[in-house]
Amino acid sequence: MAGGGSLLQGLPERLSEETHMRVYRAEDPVTCVARGAGEIVADLDRYHQVLAATQRGALAARAH
């Protein structure tokens, strides 16, 4: 889990019980999403094929 909500007491355990799936909390859930987004932005050429564009062809046009 990521984000501040994952720090709510008992939430990961409850979700695990309700979904019958393992639930893991990120090591630093409050900042992990921002740090991950920063990694993507820092290396857009590497990740452009897996990113969703808000406009069709926006990323494809950028790649050429």
Protein backbone atom coordinates (compact mmCIF):
# COMPACT_ATOMS: atom_id res chain seq x y z
CA MET A 1 0.00 0.00 0.00
CA ALA A 2 1.08 3.55 -0.61
CA GLY A 3 -0.07 6.90 0.69
CA GLY A 4 -0.97 8.23 4.07
CA GLY A 5 -4.13 6.14 4.25
CA SER A 6 -2.02 3.01 4.49
CA LEU A 7 -0.83 4.28 7.88
CA LEU A 8 -4.31 4.00 9.37
CA GLN A 9 -4.10 1.54 12.21
CA GLY A 10 -5.17 -1.94 11.11
CA LEU A 11 -6.04 -1.02 7.51
CA PRO A 12 -3.53 -3.30 5.75
CA GLU A 13 -4.54 -6.23 7.94
CA ARG A 14 -8.25 -5.57 7.40
CA LEU A 15 -7.83 -5.36 3.63
CA SER A 16 -5.89 -8.59 3.69
CA GLU A 17 -8.62 -10.31 5.68
CA GLU A 18 -11.43 -9.00 3.47
CA THR A 19 -9.75 -9.71 0.13
CA HIS A 20 -7.92 -12.91 1.09
CA MET A 21 -4.82 -11.43 -0.48
CA ARG A 22 -1.47 -10.44 0.95
CA VAL A 23 -1.21 -6.71 1.56
CA TYR A 24 2.10 -4.95 1.89
CA ARG A 25 2.74 -1.41 3.03
CA ALA A 26 5.48 0.50 1.20
CA GLU A 27 8.60 1.19 3.25
CA ASP A 28 7.86 4.93 3.13
CA PRO A 29 4.22 5.10 2.04
CA VAL A 30 3.85 8.86 2.35
CA THR A 31 6.54 9.73 -0.20
CA CYS A 32 6.95 6.58 -2.31
CA VAL A 33 4.49 7.64 -5.03
CA ALA A 34 6.12 11.05 -5.45
CA ARG A 35 9.59 9.49 -5.53
CA GLY A 36 8.45 6.93 -8.11
CA ALA A 37 6.90 9.62 -10.28
CA GLY A 38 10.16 11.55 -10.07
CA GLU A 39 12.05 8.50 -11.32
CA ILE A 40 9.70 8.25 -14.30
CA VAL A 41 9.99 11.94 -15.16
CA ALA A 42 13.77 11.75 -14.87
CA ASP A 43 13.88 8.97 -17.48
CA LEU A 44 10.86 9.45 -19.78
CA ASP A 45 12.67 7.91 -22.74
CA ARG A 46 12.91 4.63 -20.87
CA TYR A 47 9.28 4.51 -19.70
CA HIS A 48 7.36 6.23 -22.52
CA GLN A 49 5.98 2.97 -23.94
CA VAL A 50 4.24 2.00 -20.70
CA LEU A 51 2.82 5.39 -19.79
CA ALA A 52 -0.78 6.22 -20.59
CA ALA A 53 -1.20 9.38 -22.64
CA THR A 54 -4.02 11.82 -21.97
CA GLN A 55 -4.33 12.35 -25.72
CA ARG A 56 -4.02 9.64 -28.32
CA GLY A 57 -0.59 9.62 -29.86
CA ALA A 58 0.84 12.22 -27.48
CA LEU A 59 3.67 9.97 -26.32
CA ALA A 60 4.24 8.43 -29.74
CA ALA A 61 4.74 11.88 -31.23
CA ARG A 62 7.22 12.73 -28.51
CA ALA A 63 9.25 9.54 -29.13
CA HIS A 64 10.07 10.47 -32.74
